[in-house]
């Protein structure tokens, strides 16, 4: 059996020399912001060499291309978005596709 980790998104990516640190975030079940939305909280960090990060980005771009081709997400400008359930696309607000991380 392998361990699995769920994340709602990436909070921050830090590059120090040849090392990349990726902070994974998830929405808190208990903490709320001023608008009563769940706060994103740090969950775990991925640390990898820069070349492994570059390979991971390439692999994710290929996976995203497959999702776009399959119609699971749509590209709007430089951002891929999930199609709206009612067929009406939500307005573009930021580079992050999650409204919880604006």
PDB file of N, CA and C in Angstrom:
ATOM      1  N   UNK A   1       0.837  -1.168   0.000  1.00  0.00           N
ATOM      2  CA  UNK A   1       0.000   0.000   0.000  1.00  0.00           C
ATOM      3  C   UNK A   1       0.891   1.243   0.000  1.00  0.00           C
ATOM      4  N   UNK A   2       0.479   2.260  -0.732  1.00  0.00           N
ATOM      5  CA  UNK A   2       1.259   3.492  -0.773  1.00  0.00           C
ATOM      6  C   UNK A   2       0.504   4.626  -0.080  1.00  0.00           C
ATOM      7  N   UNK A   3       1.256   5.597   0.428  1.00  0.00           N
ATOM      8  CA  UNK A   3       0.642   6.766   1.045  1.00  0.00           C
ATOM      9  C   UNK A   3       0.187   7.727  -0.025  1.00  0.00           C
ATOM     10  N   UNK A   4      -0.938   8.378   0.200  1.00  0.00           N
ATOM     11  CA  UNK A   4      -1.440   9.385  -0.716  1.00  0.00           C
ATOM     12  C   UNK A   4      -1.653  10.675   0.057  1.00  0.00           C
ATOM     13  N   UNK A   5      -1.526  11.781  -0.650  1.00  0.00           N
ATOM     14  CA  UNK A   5      -1.721  13.091  -0.047  1.00  0.00           C
ATOM     15  C   UNK A   5      -2.614  13.893  -0.967  1.00  0.00           C
ATOM     16  N   UNK A   6      -3.642  14.531  -0.402  1.00  0.00           N
ATOM     17  CA  UNK A   6      -4.516  15.403  -1.180  1.00  0.00           C
ATOM     18  C   UNK A   6      -4.113  16.839  -0.903  1.00  0.00           C
ATOM     19  N   UNK A   7      -4.097  17.662  -1.952  1.00  0.00           N
ATOM     20  CA  UNK A   7      -3.842  19.099  -1.811  1.00  0.00           C
ATOM     21  C   UNK A   7      -4.830  19.851  -2.685  1.00  0.00           C
ATOM     22  N   UNK A   8      -5.341  20.975  -2.177  1.00  0.00           N
ATOM     23  CA  UNK A   8      -6.213  21.838  -2.971  1.00  0.00           C
ATOM     24  C   UNK A   8      -5.407  22.714  -3.923  1.00  0.00           C
ATOM     25  N   UNK A   9      -4.125  22.843  -3.686  1.00  0.00           N
ATOM     26  CA  UNK A   9      -3.306  23.662  -4.569  1.00  0.00           C
ATOM     27  C   UNK A   9      -1.904  23.844  -4.044  1.00  0.00           C
ATOM     28  N   UNK A  10      -1.160  24.660  -4.770  1.00  0.00           N
ATOM     29  CA  UNK A  10       0.205  24.999  -4.391  1.00  0.00           C
ATOM     30  C   UNK A  10       0.186  26.404  -3.814  1.00  0.00           C
ATOM     31  N   UNK A  11       0.717  26.552  -2.629  1.00  0.00           N
ATOM     32  CA  UNK A  11       0.740  27.852  -1.985  1.00  0.00           C
ATOM     33  C   UNK A  11       1.926  28.685  -2.417  1.00  0.00           C
ATOM     34  N   UNK A  12       3.085  28.060  -2.532  1.00  0.00           N
ATOM     35  CA  UNK A  12       4.291  28.804  -2.876  1.00  0.00           C
ATOM     36  C   UNK A  12       5.324  27.856  -3.445  1.00  0.00           C
ATOM     37  N   UNK A  13       6.113  28.369  -4.381  1.00  0.00           N
ATOM     38  CA  UNK A  13       7.259  27.638  -4.921  1.00  0.00           C
ATOM     39  C   UNK A  13       8.482  28.504  -4.677  1.00  0.00           C
ATOM     40  N   UNK A  14       9.484  27.937  -4.005  1.00  0.00           N
ATOM     41  CA  UNK A  14      10.696  28.660  -3.677  1.00  0.00           C
ATOM     42  C   UNK A  14      11.882  27.952  -4.307  1.00  0.00           C
ATOM     43  N   UNK A  15      12.724  28.710  -5.001  1.00  0.00           N
ATOM     44  CA  UNK A  15      13.943  28.157  -5.592  1.00  0.00           C
ATOM     45  C   UNK A  15      15.130  28.739  -4.853  1.00  0.00           C
ATOM     46  N   UNK A  16      15.960  27.854  -4.307  1.00  0.00           N
ATOM     47  CA  UNK A  16      17.180  28.260  -3.617  1.00  0.00           C
ATOM     48  C   UNK A  16      18.328  27.475  -4.233  1.00  0.00           C
ATOM     49  N   UNK A  17      19.124  28.157  -5.044  1.00  0.00           N
ATOM     50  CA  UNK A  17      20.223  27.464  -5.726  1.00  0.00           C
ATOM     51  C   UNK A  17      19.672  26.431  -6.682  1.00  0.00           C
ATOM     52  N   UNK A  18      20.016  25.172  -6.437  1.00  0.00           N
ATOM     53  CA  UNK A  18      19.568  24.084  -7.320  1.00  0.00           C
ATOM     54  C   UNK A  18      18.423  23.283  -6.707  1.00  0.00           C
ATOM     55  N   UNK A  19      17.803  23.804  -5.652  1.00  0.00           N
ATOM     56  CA  UNK A  19      16.721  23.103  -4.953  1.00  0.00           C
ATOM     57  C   UNK A  19      15.412  23.874  -5.095  1.00  0.00           C
ATOM     58  N   UNK A  20      14.324  23.152  -5.398  1.00  0.00           N
ATOM     59  CA  UNK A  20      12.989  23.742  -5.502  1.00  0.00           C
ATOM     60  C   UNK A  20      12.129  23.186  -4.371  1.00  0.00           C
ATOM     61  N   UNK A  21      11.441  24.074  -3.685  1.00  0.00           N
ATOM     62  CA  UNK A  21      10.519  23.678  -2.617  1.00  0.00           C
ATOM     63  C   UNK A  21       9.110  24.076  -3.037  1.00  0.00           C
ATOM     64  N   UNK A  22       8.206  23.120  -3.019  1.00  0.00           N
ATOM     65  CA  UNK A  22       6.808  23.343  -3.410  1.00  0.00           C
ATOM     66  C   UNK A  22       5.946  23.107  -2.181  1.00  0.00           C
ATOM     67  N   UNK A  23       5.281  24.167  -1.706  1.00  0.00           N
ATOM     68  CA  UNK A  23       4.407  24.059  -0.538  1.00  0.00           C
ATOM     69  C   UNK A  23       2.994  23.721  -0.986  1.00  0.00           C
ATOM     70  N   UNK A  24       2.495  22.579  -0.531  1.00  0.00           N
ATOM     71  CA  UNK A  24       1.136  22.149  -0.849  1.00  0.00           C
ATOM     72  C   UNK A  24       0.174  22.685   0.200  1.00  0.00           C
ATOM     73  N   UNK A  25      -0.966  23.172  -0.259  1.00  0.00           N
ATOM     74  CA  UNK A  25      -1.976  23.770   0.609  1.00  0.00           C
ATOM     75  C   UNK A  25      -3.295  23.007   0.474  1.00  0.00           C
ATOM     76  N   UNK A  26      -4.076  23.047   1.528  1.00  0.00           N
ATOM     77  CA  UNK A  26      -5.458  22.573   1.439  1.00  0.00           C
ATOM     78  C   UNK A  26      -6.330  23.510   2.262  1.00  0.00           C
ATOM     79  N   UNK A  27      -7.610  23.464   1.993  1.00  0.00           N
ATOM     80  CA  UNK A  27      -8.540  24.356   2.676  1.00  0.00           C
ATOM     81  C   UNK A  27      -8.823  23.834   4.078  1.00  0.00           C
ATOM     82  N   UNK A  28      -8.728  24.709   5.047  1.00  0.00           N
ATOM     83  CA  UNK A  28      -8.931  24.346   6.443  1.00  0.00           C
ATOM     84  C   UNK A  28     -10.393  24.017   6.717  1.00  0.00           C
ATOM     85  N   UNK A  29     -10.601  23.015   7.520  1.00  0.00           N
ATOM     86  CA  UNK A  29     -11.961  22.658   7.936  1.00  0.00           C
ATOM     87  C   UNK A  29     -12.453  23.565   9.057  1.00  0.00           C
ATOM     88  N   UNK A  30     -11.512  24.259   9.726  1.00  0.00           N
ATOM     89  CA  UNK A  30     -11.898  25.063  10.893  1.00  0.00           C
ATOM     90  C   UNK A  30     -11.568  26.545  10.765  1.00  0.00           C
ATOM     91  N   UNK A  31     -10.519  26.909  10.028  1.00  0.00           N
ATOM     92  CA  UNK A  31     -10.113  28.311   9.922  1.00  0.00           C
ATOM     93  C   UNK A  31     -10.826  29.004   8.770  1.00  0.00           C
ATOM     94  N   UNK A  32     -11.312  30.223   9.027  1.00  0.00           N
ATOM     95  CA  UNK A  32     -12.037  31.008   8.019  1.00  0.00           C
ATOM     96  C   UNK A  32     -11.395  32.381   7.871  1.00  0.00           C
ATOM     97  N   UNK A  33     -11.500  32.959   6.655  1.00  0.00           N
ATOM     98  CA  UNK A  33     -11.008  34.324   6.440  1.00  0.00           C
ATOM     99  C   UNK A  33     -12.118  35.320   6.753  1.00  0.00           C
ATOM    100  N   UNK A  34     -11.879  36.585   6.481  1.00  0.00           N
ATOM    101  CA  UNK A  34     -12.853  37.642   6.795  1.00  0.00           C
ATOM    102  C   UNK A  34     -14.164  37.478   6.029  1.00  0.00           C
ATOM    103  N   UNK A  35     -14.122  36.816   4.867  1.00  0.00           N
ATOM    104  CA  UNK A  35     -15.335  36.587   4.066  1.00  0.00           C
ATOM    105  C   UNK A  35     -15.997  35.251   4.392  1.00  0.00           C
ATOM    106  N   UNK A  36     -15.526  34.602   5.439  1.00  0.00           N
ATOM    107  CA  UNK A  36     -16.031  33.310   5.897  1.00  0.00           C
ATOM    108  C   UNK A  36     -15.728  32.166   4.926  1.00  0.00           C
ATOM    109  N   UNK A  37     -14.709  32.329   4.085  1.00  0.00           N
ATOM    110  CA  UNK A  37     -14.256  31.255   3.210  1.00  0.00           C
ATOM    111  C   UNK A  37     -13.180  30.460   3.935  1.00  0.00           C
ATOM    112  N   UNK A  38     -13.079  29.154   3.664  1.00  0.00           N
ATOM    113  CA  UNK A  38     -12.016  28.370   4.295  1.00  0.00           C
ATOM    114  C   UNK A  38     -10.646  28.928   3.932  1.00  0.00           C
ATOM    115  N   UNK A  39      -9.764  29.024   4.919  1.00  0.00           N
ATOM    116  CA  UNK A  39      -8.412  29.525   4.689  1.00  0.00           C
ATOM    117  C   UNK A  39      -7.539  28.417   4.116  1.00  0.00           C
ATOM    118  N   UNK A  40      -6.687  28.761   3.148  1.00  0.00           N
ATOM    119  CA  UNK A  40      -5.693  27.774   2.703  1.00  0.00           C
ATOM    120  C   UNK A  40      -4.610  27.656   3.774  1.00  0.00           C
ATOM    121  N   UNK A  41      -4.252  26.425   4.119  1.00  0.00           N
ATOM    122  CA  UNK A  41      -3.222  26.193   5.127  1.00  0.00           C
ATOM    123  C   UNK A  41      -2.173  25.229   4.579  1.00  0.00           C
ATOM    124  N   UNK A  42      -0.935  25.437   4.997  1.00  0.00           N
ATOM    125  CA  UNK A  42       0.178  24.577   4.592  1.00  0.00           C
ATOM    126  C   UNK A  42      -0.073  23.148   5.053  1.00  0.00           C
ATOM    127  N   UNK A  43       0.174  22.182   4.168  1.00  0.00           N
ATOM    128  CA  UNK A  43       0.019  20.772   4.534  1.00  0.00           C
ATOM    129  C   UNK A  43       1.318  19.995   4.446  1.00  0.00           C
ATOM    130  N   UNK A  44       2.045  20.159   3.336  1.00  0.00           N
ATOM    131  CA  UNK A  44       3.269  19.393   3.163  1.00  0.00           C
ATOM    132  C   UNK A  44       4.138  20.071   2.115  1.00  0.00           C
ATOM    133  N   UNK A  45       5.426  19.754   2.114  1.00  0.00           N
ATOM    134  CA  UNK A  45       6.361  20.358   1.172  1.00  0.00           C
ATOM    135  C   UNK A  45       7.024  19.264   0.344  1.00  0.00           C
ATOM    136  N   UNK A  46       7.119  19.527  -0.956  1.00  0.00           N
ATOM    137  CA  UNK A  46       7.889  18.677  -1.868  1.00  0.00           C
ATOM    138  C   UNK A  46       9.206  19.404  -2.117  1.00  0.00           C
ATOM    139  N   UNK A  47      10.313  18.693  -1.952  1.00  0.00           N
ATOM    140  CA  UNK A  47      11.634  19.275  -2.191  1.00  0.00           C
ATOM    141  C   UNK A  47      12.319  18.420  -3.253  1.00  0.00           C
ATOM    142  N   UNK A  48      12.787  19.097  -4.318  1.00  0.00           N
ATOM    143  CA  UNK A  48      13.419  18.363  -5.407  1.00  0.00           C
ATOM    144  C   UNK A  48      14.479  19.212  -6.084  1.00  0.00           C
ATOM    145  N   UNK A  49      15.409  18.548  -6.793  1.00  0.00           N
ATOM    146  CA  UNK A  49      16.390  19.319  -7.557  1.00  0.00           C
ATOM    147  C   UNK A  49      15.715  20.028  -8.733  1.00  0.00           C
ATOM    148  N   UNK A  50      16.347  21.095  -9.195  1.00  0.00           N
ATOM    149  CA  UNK A  50      15.793  21.914 -10.263  1.00  0.00           C
ATOM    150  C   UNK A  50      15.510  21.096 -11.529  1.00  0.00           C
ATOM    151  N   UNK A  51      16.373  20.164 -11.887  1.00  0.00           N
ATOM    152  CA  UNK A  51      16.135  19.373 -13.102  1.00  0.00           C
ATOM    153  C   UNK A  51      14.913  18.459 -12.944  1.00  0.00           C
ATOM    154  N   UNK A  52      14.702  17.926 -11.759  1.00  0.00           N
ATOM    155  CA  UNK A  52      13.506  17.103 -11.518  1.00  0.00           C
ATOM    156  C   UNK A  52      12.247  17.972 -11.578  1.00  0.00           C
ATOM    157  N   UNK A  53      12.330  19.203 -11.067  1.00  0.00           N
ATOM    158  CA  UNK A  53      11.205  20.132 -11.144  1.00  0.00           C
ATOM    159  C   UNK A  53      10.872  20.438 -12.600  1.00  0.00           C
ATOM    160  N   UNK A  54      11.904  20.710 -13.417  1.00  0.00           N
ATOM    161  CA  UNK A  54      11.685  20.996 -14.833  1.00  0.00           C
ATOM    162  C   UNK A  54      11.016  19.810 -15.524  1.00  0.00           C
ATOM    163  N   UNK A  55      11.438  18.600 -15.206  1.00  0.00           N
ATOM    164  CA  UNK A  55      10.813  17.399 -15.782  1.00  0.00           C
ATOM    165  C   UNK A  55       9.367  17.262 -15.315  1.00  0.00           C
ATOM    166  N   UNK A  56       9.105  17.594 -14.043  1.00  0.00           N
ATOM    167  CA  UNK A  56       7.740  17.516 -13.505  1.00  0.00           C
ATOM    168  C   UNK A  56       6.828  18.526 -14.198  1.00  0.00           C
ATOM    169  N   UNK A  57       7.332  19.738 -14.431  1.00  0.00           N
ATOM    170  CA  UNK A  57       6.541  20.761 -15.125  1.00  0.00           C
ATOM    171  C   UNK A  57       6.210  20.293 -16.537  1.00  0.00           C
ATOM    172  N   UNK A  58       7.182  19.717 -17.237  1.00  0.00           N
ATOM    173  CA  UNK A  58       6.948  19.196 -18.581  1.00  0.00           C
ATOM    174  C   UNK A  58       5.880  18.114 -18.566  1.00  0.00           C
ATOM    175  N   UNK A  59       5.949  17.216 -17.609  1.00  0.00           N
ATOM    176  CA  UNK A  59       4.959  16.147 -17.496  1.00  0.00           C
ATOM    177  C   UNK A  59       3.562  16.705 -17.194  1.00  0.00           C
ATOM    178  N   UNK A  60       3.491  17.713 -16.306  1.00  0.00           N
ATOM    179  CA  UNK A  60       2.196  18.327 -15.982  1.00  0.00           C
ATOM    180  C   UNK A  60       1.620  19.072 -17.185  1.00  0.00           C
ATOM    181  N   UNK A  61       2.479  19.723 -17.989  1.00  0.00           N
ATOM    182  CA  UNK A  61       1.995  20.408 -19.190  1.00  0.00           C
ATOM    183  C   UNK A  61       1.404  19.400 -20.178  1.00  0.00           C
ATOM    184  N   UNK A  62       2.041  18.244 -20.300  1.00  0.00           N
ATOM    185  CA  UNK A  62       1.514  17.198 -21.184  1.00  0.00           C
ATOM    186  C   UNK A  62       0.173  16.673 -20.655  1.00  0.00           C
ATOM    187  N   UNK A  63       0.082  16.488 -19.336  1.00  0.00           N
ATOM    188  CA  UNK A  63      -1.178  16.023 -18.741  1.00  0.00           C
ATOM    189  C   UNK A  63      -2.275  17.065 -18.946  1.00  0.00           C
ATOM    190  N   UNK A  64      -1.948  18.348 -18.764  1.00  0.00           N
ATOM    191  CA  UNK A  64      -2.913  19.416 -18.976  1.00  0.00           C
ATOM    192  C   UNK A  64      -3.366  19.444 -20.431  1.00  0.00           C
ATOM    193  N   UNK A  65      -2.441  19.262 -21.353  1.00  0.00           N
ATOM    194  CA  UNK A  65      -2.796  19.200 -22.772  1.00  0.00           C
ATOM    195  C   UNK A  65      -3.796  18.096 -23.048  1.00  0.00           C
ATOM    196  N   UNK A  66      -3.617  16.945 -22.415  1.00  0.00           N
ATOM    197  CA  UNK A  66      -4.568  15.834 -22.564  1.00  0.00           C
ATOM    198  C   UNK A  66      -5.930  16.175 -21.990  1.00  0.00           C
ATOM    199  N   UNK A  67      -5.959  16.886 -20.853  1.00  0.00           N
ATOM    200  CA  UNK A  67      -7.230  17.293 -20.248  1.00  0.00           C
ATOM    201  C   UNK A  67      -7.956  18.308 -21.123  1.00  0.00           C
ATOM    202  N   UNK A  68      -7.206  19.238 -21.718  1.00  0.00           N
ATOM    203  CA  UNK A  68      -7.800  20.217 -22.627  1.00  0.00           C
ATOM    204  C   UNK A  68      -8.361  19.507 -23.851  1.00  0.00           C
ATOM    205  N   UNK A  69      -7.573  18.593 -24.408  1.00  0.00           N
ATOM    206  CA  UNK A  69      -8.004  17.840 -25.597  1.00  0.00           C
ATOM    207  C   UNK A  69      -9.252  17.009 -25.312  1.00  0.00           C
ATOM    208  N   UNK A  70      -9.361  16.472 -24.100  1.00  0.00           N
ATOM    209  CA  UNK A  70     -10.521  15.658 -23.722  1.00  0.00           C
ATOM    210  C   UNK A  70     -11.728  16.513 -23.339  1.00  0.00           C
ATOM    211  N   UNK A  71     -11.533  17.827 -23.212  1.00  0.00           N
ATOM    212  CA  UNK A  71     -12.633  18.716 -22.854  1.00  0.00           C
ATOM    213  C   UNK A  71     -12.872  18.830 -21.356  1.00  0.00           C
ATOM    214  N   UNK A  72     -11.966  18.279 -20.542  1.00  0.00           N
ATOM    215  CA  UNK A  72     -12.138  18.337 -19.087  1.00  0.00           C
ATOM    216  C   UNK A  72     -11.843  19.734 -18.551  1.00  0.00           C
ATOM    217  N   UNK A  73     -10.967  20.470 -19.232  1.00  0.00           N
ATOM    218  CA  UNK A  73     -10.676  21.862 -18.895  1.00  0.00           C
ATOM    219  C   UNK A  73     -10.601  22.662 -20.190  1.00  0.00           C
ATOM    220  N   UNK A  74     -10.796  23.979 -20.070  1.00  0.00           N
ATOM    221  CA  UNK A  74     -10.695  24.868 -21.230  1.00  0.00           C
ATOM    222  C   UNK A  74      -9.593  25.879 -20.994  1.00  0.00           C
ATOM    223  N   UNK A  75      -8.906  26.246 -22.054  1.00  0.00           N
ATOM    224  CA  UNK A  75      -7.878  27.288 -21.963  1.00  0.00           C
ATOM    225  C   UNK A  75      -8.517  28.632 -22.251  1.00  0.00           C
ATOM    226  N   UNK A  76      -8.292  29.601 -21.358  1.00  0.00           N
ATOM    227  CA  UNK A  76      -8.743  30.975 -21.548  1.00  0.00           C
ATOM    228  C   UNK A  76      -7.515  31.838 -21.323  1.00  0.00           C
ATOM    229  N   UNK A  77      -6.979  32.396 -22.377  1.00  0.00           N
ATOM    230  CA  UNK A  77      -5.728  33.132 -22.258  1.00  0.00           C
ATOM    231  C   UNK A  77      -4.632  32.162 -21.878  1.00  0.00           C
ATOM    232  N   UNK A  78      -3.920  32.460 -20.812  1.00  0.00           N
ATOM    233  CA  UNK A  78      -2.844  31.585 -20.352  1.00  0.00           C
ATOM    234  C   UNK A  78      -3.289  30.663 -19.229  1.00  0.00           C
ATOM    235  N   UNK A  79      -4.594  30.617 -18.927  1.00  0.00           N
ATOM    236  CA  UNK A  79      -5.083  29.860 -17.783  1.00  0.00           C
ATOM    237  C   UNK A  79      -6.028  28.766 -18.250  1.00  0.00           C
ATOM    238  N   UNK A  80      -5.892  27.583 -17.689  1.00  0.00           N
ATOM    239  CA  UNK A  80      -6.833  26.498 -17.955  1.00  0.00           C
ATOM    240  C   UNK A  80      -7.887  26.518 -16.867  1.00  0.00           C
ATOM    241  N   UNK A  81      -9.143  26.415 -17.254  1.00  0.00           N
ATOM    242  CA  UNK A  81     -10.247  26.459 -16.291  1.00  0.00           C
ATOM    243  C   UNK A  81     -11.150  25.265 -16.501  1.00  0.00           C
ATOM    244  N   UNK A  82     -11.760  24.826 -15.418  1.00  0.00           N
ATOM    245  CA  UNK A  82     -12.776  23.784 -15.523  1.00  0.00           C
ATOM    246  C   UNK A  82     -13.999  24.371 -16.203  1.00  0.00           C
ATOM    247  N   UNK A  83     -14.660  23.618 -17.080  1.00  0.00           N
ATOM    248  CA  UNK A  83     -15.881  24.146 -17.680  1.00  0.00           C
ATOM    249  C   UNK A  83     -16.958  24.306 -16.612  1.00  0.00           C
ATOM    250  N   UNK A  84     -17.744  25.360 -16.725  1.00  0.00           N
ATOM    251  CA  UNK A  84     -18.835  25.593 -15.778  1.00  0.00           C
ATOM    252  C   UNK A  84     -19.921  24.561 -15.993  1.00  0.00           C
ATOM    253  N   UNK A  85     -20.558  24.151 -14.911  1.00  0.00           N
ATOM    254  CA  UNK A  85     -21.595  23.124 -14.994  1.00  0.00           C
ATOM    255  C   UNK A  85     -22.776  23.568 -15.841  1.00  0.00           C
ATOM    256  N   UNK A  86     -23.088  24.882 -15.812  1.00  0.00           N
ATOM    257  CA  UNK A  86     -24.230  25.373 -16.576  1.00  0.00           C
ATOM    258  C   UNK A  86     -23.844  25.836 -17.974  1.00  0.00           C
ATOM    259  N   UNK A  87     -22.565  25.637 -18.343  1.00  0.00           N
ATOM    260  CA  UNK A  87     -22.109  26.019 -19.666  1.00  0.00           C
ATOM    261  C   UNK A  87     -21.680  27.471 -19.771  1.00  0.00           C
ATOM    262  N   UNK A  88     -21.881  28.260 -18.708  1.00  0.00           N
ATOM    263  CA  UNK A  88     -21.470  29.665 -18.705  1.00  0.00           C
ATOM    264  C   UNK A  88     -20.122  29.749 -18.021  1.00  0.00           C
ATOM    265  N   UNK A  89     -19.133  30.276 -18.715  1.00  0.00           N
ATOM    266  CA  UNK A  89     -17.790  30.356 -18.158  1.00  0.00           C
ATOM    267  C   UNK A  89     -17.711  31.459 -17.110  1.00  0.00           C
ATOM    268  N   UNK A  90     -17.118  31.146 -15.981  1.00  0.00           N
ATOM    269  CA  UNK A  90     -16.911  32.141 -14.928  1.00  0.00           C
ATOM    270  C   UNK A  90     -15.893  33.166 -15.405  1.00  0.00           C
ATOM    271  N   UNK A  91     -16.006  34.412 -14.964  1.00  0.00           N
ATOM    272  CA  UNK A  91     -15.054  35.440 -15.386  1.00  0.00           C
ATOM    273  C   UNK A  91     -13.658  35.146 -14.880  1.00  0.00           C
ATOM    274  N   UNK A  92     -12.667  35.550 -15.656  1.00  0.00           N
ATOM    275  CA  UNK A  92     -11.271  35.357 -15.298  1.00  0.00           C
ATOM    276  C   UNK A  92     -10.896  36.349 -14.200  1.00  0.00           C
ATOM    277  N   UNK A  93     -10.393  35.841 -13.065  1.00  0.00           N
ATOM    278  CA  UNK A  93     -10.064  36.745 -11.966  1.00  0.00           C
ATOM    279  C   UNK A  93      -8.585  36.743 -11.619  1.00  0.00           C
ATOM    280  N   UNK A  94      -7.909  35.612 -11.728  1.00  0.00           N
ATOM    281  CA  UNK A  94      -6.491  35.572 -11.394  1.00  0.00           C
ATOM    282  C   UNK A  94      -5.838  34.416 -12.114  1.00  0.00           C
ATOM    283  N   UNK A  95      -4.532  34.270 -11.947  1.00  0.00           N
ATOM    284  CA  UNK A  95      -3.799  33.184 -12.570  1.00  0.00           C
ATOM    285  C   UNK A  95      -4.054  31.847 -11.907  1.00  0.00           C
ATOM    286  N   UNK A  96      -4.646  31.831 -10.740  1.00  0.00           N
ATOM    287  CA  UNK A  96      -4.934  30.581 -10.049  1.00  0.00           C
ATOM    288  C   UNK A  96      -6.380  30.190 -10.343  1.00  0.00           C
ATOM    289  N   UNK A  97      -6.584  28.963 -10.764  1.00  0.00           N
ATOM    290  CA  UNK A  97      -7.919  28.534 -11.181  1.00  0.00           C
ATOM    291  C   UNK A  97      -8.886  28.377 -10.013  1.00  0.00           C
ATOM    292  N   UNK A  98      -8.390  28.317  -8.783  1.00  0.00           N
ATOM    293  CA  UNK A  98      -9.279  28.159  -7.638  1.00  0.00           C
ATOM    294  C   UNK A  98      -9.730  29.508  -7.090  1.00  0.00           C
ATOM    295  N   UNK A  99     -11.046  29.712  -6.941  1.00  0.00           N
ATOM    296  CA  UNK A  99     -11.522  30.972  -6.376  1.00  0.00           C
ATOM    297  C   UNK A  99     -11.136  31.121  -4.909  1.00  0.00           C
ATOM    298  N   UNK A 100     -10.714  30.031  -4.265  1.00  0.00           N
ATOM    299  CA  UNK A 100     -10.351  30.077  -2.850  1.00  0.00           C
ATOM    300  C   UNK A 100      -8.960  30.626  -2.612  1.00  0.00           C
ATOM    301  N   UNK A 101      -8.169  30.795  -3.674  1.00  0.00           N
ATOM    302  CA  UNK A 101      -6.800  31.262  -3.512  1.00  0.00           C
ATOM    303  C   UNK A 101      -6.572  32.575  -4.236  1.00  0.00           C
ATOM    304  N   UNK A 102      -7.563  33.426  -4.321  1.00  0.00           N
ATOM    305  CA  UNK A 102      -7.401  34.743  -4.968  1.00  0.00           C
ATOM    306  C   UNK A 102      -6.579  35.661  -4.111  1.00  0.00           C
TER     307      UNK A 102
END
